[in-house]
Amino acid sequence: MLGCASEYVVKEYRLSTILAEGTVAPDFKLKTTPDQTISLAELKGRPVVLAFYPADWSPVCGDQMALYNELLPEFRKHNAELLGVSVDGVWCHAAFAKDRNLHFPVLSDFEPKGEVSKLYGAYREEDGFSERALFVIDKDGVIQWSFLSPVGINPGADGILEALENLSKKVTRAA
């Protein structure tokens, strides 16, 4: 056959396998500013919402983080600490947090790139950024809920709020 043969290569994307409910959450220590860090161990004794996201300035990520910022009072009703995590650097985070008026720590998983994201199974090696993955960790450091959303879709907060409510019910029953 004469003419040009075209070969189309379709890149397959597979979703990461994130840590599941019942898994002890890996500890980490990440920068919140150039000279300040926060670790998961520091927050032991209270629930933590860990929100991995791809990049500060993407439209979906900006909307997602802004939504969580608006819902901080709901998270705090459950005594939960919200942490955003991406592979962007601390200066990028600082500008993003200021622009979006965020009132929760945005952590830099920049160097070594994606190290914490990898611990949670939330790193897209082929793309070099974090998945859009959510974790609710109880006061003892055990993952009570996890969710992996497609990168282009804002997962909202319903799952987080339901998981926090379930945690509160467990604490009430145990008391």
N, C-alpha and C. Protein backbone atom coordinates (compact mmCIF):
# COMPACT_ATOMS: atom_id res chain seq x y z
N MET A 1 0.85 -1.18 0.00
CA MET A 1 0.00 0.00 0.00
C MET A 1 0.89 1.23 0.00
N LEU A 2 0.60 2.15 -0.86
CA LEU A 2 1.36 3.39 -0.94
C LEU A 2 0.80 4.40 0.03
N GLY A 3 1.63 5.34 0.40
CA GLY A 3 1.18 6.38 1.31
C GLY A 3 1.86 6.25 2.65
N CYS A 4 1.43 7.04 3.57
CA CYS A 4 2.03 7.06 4.91
C CYS A 4 1.23 6.19 5.85
N ALA A 5 1.95 5.44 6.60
CA ALA A 5 1.30 4.65 7.64
C ALA A 5 1.39 5.44 8.93
N SER A 6 0.31 5.59 9.58
CA SER A 6 0.31 6.32 10.86
C SER A 6 0.12 5.34 11.99
N GLU A 7 0.87 5.57 13.00
CA GLU A 7 0.72 4.74 14.20
C GLU A 7 0.31 5.65 15.34
N TYR A 8 -0.78 5.35 15.95
CA TYR A 8 -1.25 6.15 17.07
C TYR A 8 -0.90 5.42 18.36
N VAL A 9 -0.26 6.15 19.21
CA VAL A 9 0.09 5.57 20.50
C VAL A 9 -0.84 6.18 21.54
N VAL A 10 -1.57 5.36 22.18
CA VAL A 10 -2.47 5.83 23.22
C VAL A 10 -1.80 5.53 24.55
N LYS A 11 -1.56 6.57 25.31
CA LYS A 11 -0.93 6.39 26.61
C LYS A 11 -2.00 5.94 27.61
N GLU A 12 -1.73 4.85 28.24
CA GLU A 12 -2.65 4.35 29.25
C GLU A 12 -2.32 4.95 30.60
N TYR A 13 -3.33 5.43 31.27
CA TYR A 13 -3.15 5.94 32.62
C TYR A 13 -3.86 4.99 33.56
N ARG A 14 -3.15 4.56 34.55
CA ARG A 14 -3.82 3.73 35.54
C ARG A 14 -3.80 4.50 36.84
N LEU A 15 -4.88 4.40 37.53
CA LEU A 15 -4.95 5.07 38.81
C LEU A 15 -4.02 4.37 39.80
N SER A 16 -3.45 5.14 40.66
CA SER A 16 -2.58 4.59 41.69
C SER A 16 -3.41 3.75 42.66
N THR A 17 -2.72 2.93 43.40
CA THR A 17 -3.36 2.17 44.47
C THR A 17 -2.98 2.85 45.77
N ILE A 18 -3.93 3.59 46.33
CA ILE A 18 -3.65 4.34 47.55
C ILE A 18 -3.85 3.46 48.77
N LEU A 19 -3.31 3.93 49.89
CA LEU A 19 -3.46 3.18 51.14
C LEU A 19 -4.93 3.08 51.52
N ALA A 20 -5.29 1.94 52.06
CA ALA A 20 -6.69 1.64 52.35
C ALA A 20 -7.03 1.88 53.82
N GLU A 21 -8.32 1.91 54.07
CA GLU A 21 -8.85 2.00 55.43
C GLU A 21 -8.24 0.90 56.29
N GLY A 22 -7.89 1.25 57.52
CA GLY A 22 -7.32 0.28 58.45
C GLY A 22 -5.80 0.26 58.45
N THR A 23 -5.18 0.95 57.50
CA THR A 23 -3.72 1.02 57.41
C THR A 23 -3.20 2.10 58.34
N VAL A 24 -2.10 1.84 59.02
CA VAL A 24 -1.46 2.88 59.82
C VAL A 24 -0.88 3.90 58.85
N ALA A 25 -1.23 5.15 59.05
CA ALA A 25 -0.77 6.22 58.17
C ALA A 25 0.73 6.44 58.36
N PRO A 26 1.51 6.42 57.29
CA PRO A 26 2.94 6.67 57.41
C PRO A 26 3.21 8.08 57.94
N ASP A 27 4.14 8.19 58.89
CA ASP A 27 4.51 9.50 59.39
C ASP A 27 5.32 10.22 58.33
N PHE A 28 5.32 11.52 58.40
CA PHE A 28 6.10 12.34 57.48
C PHE A 28 6.41 13.67 58.15
N LYS A 29 7.35 14.36 57.58
CA LYS A 29 7.70 15.71 58.00
C LYS A 29 7.92 16.52 56.73
N LEU A 30 7.06 17.52 56.50
CA LEU A 30 7.14 18.32 55.29
C LEU A 30 7.16 19.81 55.63
N LYS A 31 7.71 20.59 54.72
CA LYS A 31 7.80 22.04 54.90
C LYS A 31 6.46 22.71 54.63
N THR A 32 6.14 23.66 55.51
CA THR A 32 4.97 24.52 55.31
C THR A 32 5.41 25.90 54.84
N THR A 33 6.62 26.26 55.21
CA THR A 33 7.28 27.49 54.77
C THR A 33 8.75 27.12 54.59
N PRO A 34 9.58 28.04 54.08
CA PRO A 34 10.99 27.69 53.92
C PRO A 34 11.69 27.27 55.21
N ASP A 35 11.17 27.74 56.35
CA ASP A 35 11.84 27.43 57.62
C ASP A 35 10.94 26.76 58.66
N GLN A 36 9.77 26.28 58.25
CA GLN A 36 8.88 25.59 59.18
C GLN A 36 8.41 24.26 58.59
N THR A 37 8.28 23.27 59.47
CA THR A 37 7.80 21.96 59.03
C THR A 37 6.65 21.52 59.93
N ILE A 38 5.95 20.52 59.46
CA ILE A 38 4.91 19.88 60.26
C ILE A 38 5.02 18.38 60.00
N SER A 39 4.77 17.60 61.04
CA SER A 39 4.79 16.15 60.89
C SER A 39 3.43 15.59 61.30
N LEU A 40 3.13 14.42 60.79
CA LEU A 40 1.89 13.76 61.17
C LEU A 40 1.91 13.42 62.66
N ALA A 41 3.07 13.03 63.16
CA ALA A 41 3.21 12.67 64.58
C ALA A 41 2.82 13.83 65.49
N GLU A 42 3.10 15.05 65.07
CA GLU A 42 2.74 16.23 65.88
C GLU A 42 1.22 16.35 66.07
N LEU A 43 0.47 15.77 65.18
CA LEU A 43 -0.99 15.91 65.21
C LEU A 43 -1.68 14.72 65.85
N LYS A 44 -0.90 13.75 66.32
CA LYS A 44 -1.49 12.57 66.96
C LYS A 44 -2.40 13.02 68.10
N GLY A 45 -3.53 12.37 68.25
CA GLY A 45 -4.50 12.74 69.27
C GLY A 45 -5.68 13.49 68.70
N ARG A 46 -5.61 13.81 67.41
CA ARG A 46 -6.75 14.45 66.74
C ARG A 46 -6.83 13.93 65.30
N PRO A 47 -8.02 13.96 64.72
CA PRO A 47 -8.16 13.50 63.34
C PRO A 47 -7.43 14.44 62.37
N VAL A 48 -6.98 13.86 61.26
CA VAL A 48 -6.30 14.63 60.22
C VAL A 48 -6.95 14.31 58.87
N VAL A 49 -7.23 15.35 58.13
CA VAL A 49 -7.69 15.21 56.75
C VAL A 49 -6.48 15.54 55.89
N LEU A 50 -6.03 14.57 55.12
CA LEU A 50 -4.86 14.72 54.26
C LEU A 50 -5.35 14.75 52.82
N ALA A 51 -5.15 15.89 52.16
CA ALA A 51 -5.65 16.07 50.79
C ALA A 51 -4.47 16.27 49.83
N PHE A 52 -4.11 15.20 49.11
CA PHE A 52 -3.09 15.28 48.07
C PHE A 52 -3.75 15.84 46.82
N TYR A 53 -3.02 16.72 46.12
CA TYR A 53 -3.55 17.28 44.89
C TYR A 53 -2.40 17.54 43.92
N PRO A 54 -2.69 17.60 42.61
CA PRO A 54 -1.62 17.69 41.61
C PRO A 54 -0.80 18.99 41.62
N ALA A 55 -1.45 20.14 41.60
CA ALA A 55 -0.69 21.39 41.45
C ALA A 55 -1.48 22.59 41.97
N ASP A 56 -0.76 23.53 42.53
CA ASP A 56 -1.39 24.71 43.13
C ASP A 56 -2.28 25.49 42.17
N TRP A 57 -1.80 25.79 40.99
CA TRP A 57 -2.48 26.76 40.15
C TRP A 57 -3.41 26.15 39.11
N SER A 58 -3.66 24.86 39.17
CA SER A 58 -4.61 24.30 38.21
C SER A 58 -6.03 24.67 38.67
N PRO A 59 -6.94 24.85 37.73
CA PRO A 59 -8.30 25.28 38.10
C PRO A 59 -9.01 24.32 39.07
N VAL A 60 -8.91 23.03 38.82
CA VAL A 60 -9.60 22.07 39.69
C VAL A 60 -9.01 22.10 41.10
N CYS A 61 -7.68 22.12 41.19
CA CYS A 61 -7.03 22.13 42.50
C CYS A 61 -7.37 23.40 43.28
N GLY A 62 -7.36 24.52 42.58
CA GLY A 62 -7.71 25.78 43.23
C GLY A 62 -9.11 25.75 43.79
N ASP A 63 -10.05 25.23 43.00
CA ASP A 63 -11.44 25.13 43.47
C ASP A 63 -11.56 24.16 44.64
N GLN A 64 -10.85 23.03 44.57
CA GLN A 64 -10.91 22.03 45.64
C GLN A 64 -10.39 22.61 46.95
N MET A 65 -9.23 23.26 46.90
CA MET A 65 -8.65 23.81 48.13
C MET A 65 -9.49 24.96 48.67
N ALA A 66 -10.07 25.76 47.79
CA ALA A 66 -10.96 26.85 48.23
C ALA A 66 -12.20 26.29 48.93
N LEU A 67 -12.75 25.20 48.39
CA LEU A 67 -13.90 24.55 49.02
C LEU A 67 -13.55 24.08 50.43
N TYR A 68 -12.41 23.41 50.56
CA TYR A 68 -12.00 22.91 51.88
C TYR A 68 -11.77 24.07 52.84
N ASN A 69 -11.25 25.18 52.33
CA ASN A 69 -11.04 26.35 53.16
C ASN A 69 -12.38 26.87 53.70
N GLU A 70 -13.39 26.88 52.84
CA GLU A 70 -14.73 27.32 53.25
C GLU A 70 -15.31 26.37 54.30
N LEU A 71 -14.95 25.10 54.21
CA LEU A 71 -15.51 24.09 55.12
C LEU A 71 -14.67 23.88 56.39
N LEU A 72 -13.64 24.68 56.58
CA LEU A 72 -12.82 24.52 57.79
C LEU A 72 -13.65 24.49 59.08
N PRO A 73 -14.67 25.35 59.24
CA PRO A 73 -15.47 25.26 60.46
C PRO A 73 -16.11 23.89 60.67
N GLU A 74 -16.52 23.24 59.57
CA GLU A 74 -17.11 21.89 59.67
C GLU A 74 -16.05 20.88 60.10
N PHE A 75 -14.85 20.98 59.51
CA PHE A 75 -13.77 20.07 59.89
C PHE A 75 -13.41 20.27 61.36
N ARG A 76 -13.38 21.51 61.78
CA ARG A 76 -12.99 21.83 63.16
C ARG A 76 -14.04 21.40 64.18
N LYS A 77 -15.30 21.28 63.75
CA LYS A 77 -16.33 20.74 64.65
C LYS A 77 -15.96 19.34 65.10
N HIS A 78 -15.18 18.66 64.28
CA HIS A 78 -14.73 17.30 64.58
C HIS A 78 -13.29 17.29 65.10
N ASN A 79 -12.79 18.50 65.43
CA ASN A 79 -11.42 18.67 65.94
C ASN A 79 -10.37 18.20 64.93
N ALA A 80 -10.72 18.21 63.64
CA ALA A 80 -9.83 17.71 62.60
C ALA A 80 -8.91 18.80 62.05
N GLU A 81 -7.69 18.41 61.76
CA GLU A 81 -6.71 19.28 61.13
C GLU A 81 -6.67 18.95 59.65
N LEU A 82 -6.75 19.95 58.80
CA LEU A 82 -6.69 19.79 57.36
C LEU A 82 -5.29 20.11 56.87
N LEU A 83 -4.72 19.23 56.04
CA LEU A 83 -3.42 19.45 55.43
C LEU A 83 -3.54 19.21 53.93
N GLY A 84 -3.14 20.18 53.14
CA GLY A 84 -3.04 20.00 51.70
C GLY A 84 -1.61 19.59 51.36
N VAL A 85 -1.43 18.72 50.38
CA VAL A 85 -0.09 18.26 50.00
C VAL A 85 0.02 18.18 48.48
N SER A 86 1.06 18.83 47.94
CA SER A 86 1.39 18.65 46.53
C SER A 86 2.90 18.72 46.38
N VAL A 87 3.38 18.42 45.18
CA VAL A 87 4.83 18.42 44.94
C VAL A 87 5.36 19.81 44.61
N ASP A 88 4.53 20.82 44.64
CA ASP A 88 5.00 22.18 44.41
C ASP A 88 5.90 22.63 45.55
N GLY A 89 6.78 23.60 45.27
CA GLY A 89 7.70 24.13 46.26
C GLY A 89 7.02 25.06 47.25
N VAL A 90 7.72 25.36 48.33
CA VAL A 90 7.15 26.20 49.40
C VAL A 90 6.81 27.60 48.92
N TRP A 91 7.62 28.18 48.02
CA TRP A 91 7.33 29.55 47.55
C TRP A 91 6.07 29.56 46.69
N CYS A 92 5.89 28.54 45.90
CA CYS A 92 4.68 28.40 45.09
C CYS A 92 3.46 28.27 46.00
N HIS A 93 3.60 27.42 47.04
CA HIS A 93 2.52 27.25 48.02
C HIS A 93 2.18 28.56 48.71
N ALA A 94 3.21 29.31 49.09
CA ALA A 94 2.98 30.57 49.79
C ALA A 94 2.16 31.53 48.92
N ALA A 95 2.52 31.65 47.65
CA ALA A 95 1.78 32.53 46.75
C ALA A 95 0.35 32.03 46.53
N PHE A 96 0.21 30.71 46.36
CA PHE A 96 -1.10 30.10 46.15
C PHE A 96 -1.99 30.31 47.38
N ALA A 97 -1.47 30.03 48.57
CA ALA A 97 -2.25 30.18 49.81
C ALA A 97 -2.67 31.63 50.02
N LYS A 98 -1.77 32.55 49.72
CA LYS A 98 -2.11 33.97 49.87
C LYS A 98 -3.19 34.38 48.87
N ASP A 99 -3.03 33.97 47.61
CA ASP A 99 -3.99 34.30 46.57
C ASP A 99 -5.38 33.74 46.88
N ARG A 100 -5.41 32.51 47.40
CA ARG A 100 -6.69 31.85 47.70
C ARG A 100 -7.17 32.08 49.13
N ASN A 101 -6.39 32.83 49.91
CA ASN A 101 -6.74 33.13 51.29
C ASN A 101 -6.98 31.86 52.11
N LEU A 102 -6.08 30.89 51.94
CA LEU A 102 -6.21 29.60 52.63
C LEU A 102 -5.77 29.73 54.10
N HIS A 103 -6.51 29.07 54.96
CA HIS A 103 -6.24 29.12 56.40
C HIS A 103 -5.89 27.75 56.96
N PHE A 104 -5.20 26.95 56.17
CA PHE A 104 -4.73 25.65 56.62
C PHE A 104 -3.36 25.42 55.96
N PRO A 105 -2.54 24.56 56.55
CA PRO A 105 -1.21 24.33 55.99
C PRO A 105 -1.26 23.63 54.63
N VAL A 106 -0.44 24.13 53.73
CA VAL A 106 -0.25 23.51 52.43
C VAL A 106 1.21 23.03 52.42
N LEU A 107 1.39 21.73 52.35
CA LEU A 107 2.70 21.13 52.55
C LEU A 107 3.39 20.82 51.22
N SER A 108 4.70 21.03 51.22
CA SER A 108 5.50 20.84 50.02
C SER A 108 6.19 19.48 50.03
N ASP A 109 5.75 18.62 49.13
CA ASP A 109 6.35 17.28 48.93
C ASP A 109 7.32 17.37 47.76
N PHE A 110 8.16 18.40 47.80
CA PHE A 110 8.99 18.80 46.67
C PHE A 110 10.32 18.06 46.58
N GLU A 111 11.02 17.93 47.68
CA GLU A 111 12.36 17.33 47.62
C GLU A 111 12.60 16.45 48.82
N PRO A 112 12.83 15.16 48.68
CA PRO A 112 12.79 14.45 47.40
C PRO A 112 11.37 14.43 46.84
N LYS A 113 11.28 14.72 45.56
CA LYS A 113 9.98 14.93 44.91
C LYS A 113 9.04 13.74 45.07
N GLY A 114 7.87 14.04 45.67
CA GLY A 114 6.82 13.05 45.78
C GLY A 114 7.06 11.96 46.82
N GLU A 115 8.03 12.12 47.68
CA GLU A 115 8.37 11.07 48.64
C GLU A 115 7.18 10.67 49.52
N VAL A 116 6.47 11.66 50.06
CA VAL A 116 5.33 11.36 50.92
C VAL A 116 4.15 10.86 50.08
N SER A 117 3.95 11.45 48.93
CA SER A 117 2.89 10.97 48.03
C SER A 117 3.09 9.50 47.72
N LYS A 118 4.33 9.11 47.49
CA LYS A 118 4.65 7.70 47.21
C LYS A 118 4.32 6.81 48.40
N LEU A 119 4.61 7.28 49.62
CA LEU A 119 4.30 6.49 50.82
C LEU A 119 2.81 6.15 50.91
N TYR A 120 1.98 7.08 50.44
CA TYR A 120 0.53 6.92 50.51
C TYR A 120 -0.05 6.31 49.23
N GLY A 121 0.83 5.98 48.28
CA GLY A 121 0.37 5.41 47.01
C GLY A 121 -0.29 6.44 46.12
N ALA A 122 0.03 7.72 46.33
CA ALA A 122 -0.67 8.80 45.65
C ALA A 122 0.25 9.62 44.74
N TYR A 123 1.22 8.96 44.11
CA TYR A 123 2.13 9.67 43.23
C TYR A 123 2.02 9.11 41.82
N ARG A 124 1.91 9.99 40.86
CA ARG A 124 1.83 9.62 39.44
C ARG A 124 3.23 9.71 38.85
N GLU A 125 3.92 8.62 38.89
CA GLU A 125 5.31 8.58 38.44
C GLU A 125 5.46 9.09 37.00
N GLU A 126 4.56 8.68 36.12
CA GLU A 126 4.66 9.07 34.72
C GLU A 126 4.44 10.56 34.49
N ASP A 127 3.78 11.24 35.44
CA ASP A 127 3.49 12.65 35.29
C ASP A 127 4.31 13.54 36.23
N GLY A 128 4.85 12.95 37.30
CA GLY A 128 5.65 13.73 38.23
C GLY A 128 4.87 14.60 39.19
N PHE A 129 3.62 14.20 39.47
CA PHE A 129 2.84 14.94 40.48
C PHE A 129 1.94 13.99 41.25
N SER A 130 1.32 14.53 42.29
CA SER A 130 0.46 13.72 43.16
C SER A 130 -0.90 13.49 42.51
N GLU A 131 -1.46 12.36 42.85
CA GLU A 131 -2.86 12.08 42.50
C GLU A 131 -3.75 13.02 43.31
N ARG A 132 -5.02 13.02 42.98
CA ARG A 132 -6.01 13.73 43.80
C ARG A 132 -6.57 12.68 44.75
N ALA A 133 -5.91 12.55 45.91
CA ALA A 133 -6.23 11.48 46.87
C ALA A 133 -6.53 12.09 48.24
N LEU A 134 -7.54 11.53 48.89
CA LEU A 134 -7.98 12.02 50.20
C LEU A 134 -7.87 10.92 51.24
N PHE A 135 -7.48 11.32 52.44
CA PHE A 135 -7.38 10.40 53.56
C PHE A 135 -7.94 11.07 54.81
N VAL A 136 -8.71 10.33 55.57
CA VAL A 136 -9.11 10.77 56.90
C VAL A 136 -8.43 9.81 57.87
N ILE A 137 -7.61 10.38 58.73
CA ILE A 137 -6.79 9.62 59.68
C ILE A 137 -7.31 9.89 61.08
N ASP A 138 -7.51 8.84 61.86
CA ASP A 138 -8.05 9.03 63.21
C ASP A 138 -6.97 9.52 64.18
N LYS A 139 -7.37 9.77 65.41
CA LYS A 139 -6.47 10.33 66.43
C LYS A 139 -5.30 9.40 66.76
N ASP A 140 -5.45 8.12 66.44
CA ASP A 140 -4.38 7.14 66.70
C ASP A 140 -3.48 6.92 65.49
N GLY A 141 -3.72 7.64 64.40
CA GLY A 141 -2.88 7.53 63.22
C GLY A 141 -3.26 6.43 62.25
N VAL A 142 -4.50 5.97 62.31
CA VAL A 142 -4.98 4.91 61.42
C VAL A 142 -5.91 5.52 60.37
N ILE A 143 -5.70 5.16 59.12
CA ILE A 143 -6.56 5.65 58.05
C ILE A 143 -7.95 5.04 58.21
N GLN A 144 -8.94 5.91 58.33
CA GLN A 144 -10.32 5.47 58.48
C GLN A 144 -11.13 5.59 57.19
N TRP A 145 -10.59 6.35 56.23
CA TRP A 145 -11.27 6.53 54.95
C TRP A 145 -10.25 7.03 53.95
N SER A 146 -10.30 6.51 52.73
CA SER A 146 -9.44 7.02 51.67
C SER A 146 -10.23 7.00 50.37
N PHE A 147 -9.85 7.93 49.48
CA PHE A 147 -10.57 8.07 48.22
C PHE A 147 -9.62 8.60 47.16
N LEU A 148 -9.66 8.01 45.98
CA LEU A 148 -8.86 8.45 44.85
C LEU A 148 -9.79 8.96 43.77
N SER A 149 -9.64 10.22 43.44
CA SER A 149 -10.47 10.85 42.42
C SER A 149 -9.68 11.00 41.13
N PRO A 150 -10.33 10.94 39.98
CA PRO A 150 -9.61 11.26 38.75
C PRO A 150 -9.01 12.67 38.87
N VAL A 151 -7.85 12.87 38.26
CA VAL A 151 -7.13 14.14 38.40
C VAL A 151 -7.97 15.34 37.99
N GLY A 152 -8.79 15.20 36.97
CA GLY A 152 -9.56 16.33 36.47
C GLY A 152 -10.89 16.57 37.16
N ILE A 153 -11.15 15.84 38.24
CA ILE A 153 -12.45 15.96 38.91
C ILE A 153 -12.27 16.35 40.37
N ASN A 154 -12.95 17.41 40.77
CA ASN A 154 -12.95 17.84 42.16
C ASN A 154 -13.80 16.84 42.96
N PRO A 155 -13.21 16.16 43.95
CA PRO A 155 -13.96 15.15 44.70
C PRO A 155 -14.94 15.74 45.70
N GLY A 156 -14.93 17.04 45.88
CA GLY A 156 -15.82 17.65 46.86
C GLY A 156 -15.44 17.26 48.28
N ALA A 157 -16.37 17.41 49.19
CA ALA A 157 -16.07 17.17 50.60
C ALA A 157 -17.05 16.21 51.28
N ASP A 158 -18.04 15.72 50.56
CA ASP A 158 -19.04 14.86 51.19
C ASP A 158 -18.42 13.63 51.86
N GLY A 159 -17.50 12.97 51.17
CA GLY A 159 -16.86 11.78 51.73
C GLY A 159 -16.05 12.10 52.97
N ILE A 160 -15.35 13.22 52.95
CA ILE A 160 -14.57 13.64 54.12
C ILE A 160 -15.48 13.89 55.30
N LEU A 161 -16.54 14.65 55.07
CA LEU A 161 -17.46 15.00 56.16
C LEU A 161 -18.15 13.76 56.73
N GLU A 162 -18.51 12.84 55.86
CA GLU A 162 -19.13 11.58 56.33
C GLU A 162 -18.13 10.78 57.17
N ALA A 163 -16.89 10.71 56.72
CA ALA A 163 -15.86 9.97 57.47
C ALA A 163 -15.61 10.62 58.83
N LEU A 164 -15.57 11.95 58.88
CA LEU A 164 -15.38 12.65 60.15
C LEU A 164 -16.57 12.42 61.08
N GLU A 165 -17.76 12.42 60.51
CA GLU A 165 -18.96 12.16 61.31
C GLU A 165 -18.91 10.75 61.89
N ASN A 166 -18.51 9.78 61.08
CA ASN A 166 -18.39 8.40 61.56
C ASN A 166 -17.34 8.29 62.66
N LEU A 167 -16.25 9.03 62.53
CA LEU A 167 -15.22 9.04 63.59
C LEU A 167 -15.80 9.59 64.88
N SER A 168 -16.55 10.68 64.76
CA SER A 168 -17.16 11.28 65.96
C SER A 168 -18.13 10.32 66.63
N LYS A 169 -18.88 9.56 65.83
CA LYS A 169 -19.81 8.58 66.39
C LYS A 169 -19.07 7.49 67.14
N LYS A 170 -17.93 7.03 66.58
CA LYS A 170 -17.12 6.00 67.25
C LYS A 170 -16.61 6.49 68.59
N VAL A 171 -16.16 7.75 68.62
CA VAL A 171 -15.63 8.34 69.86
C VAL A 171 -16.74 8.44 70.89
N THR A 172 -17.94 8.86 70.45
CA THR A 172 -19.08 9.00 71.36
C THR A 172 -19.49 7.65 71.93
N ARG A 173 -19.51 6.62 71.09
CA ARG A 173 -19.88 5.27 71.56
C ARG A 173 -18.85 4.71 72.53
N ALA A 174 -17.57 5.03 72.28
CA ALA A 174 -16.50 4.51 73.12
C ALA A 174 -16.45 5.21 74.47
N ALA A 175 -17.00 6.42 74.54
CA ALA A 175 -16.93 7.20 75.78
C ALA A 175 -17.93 6.76 76.82
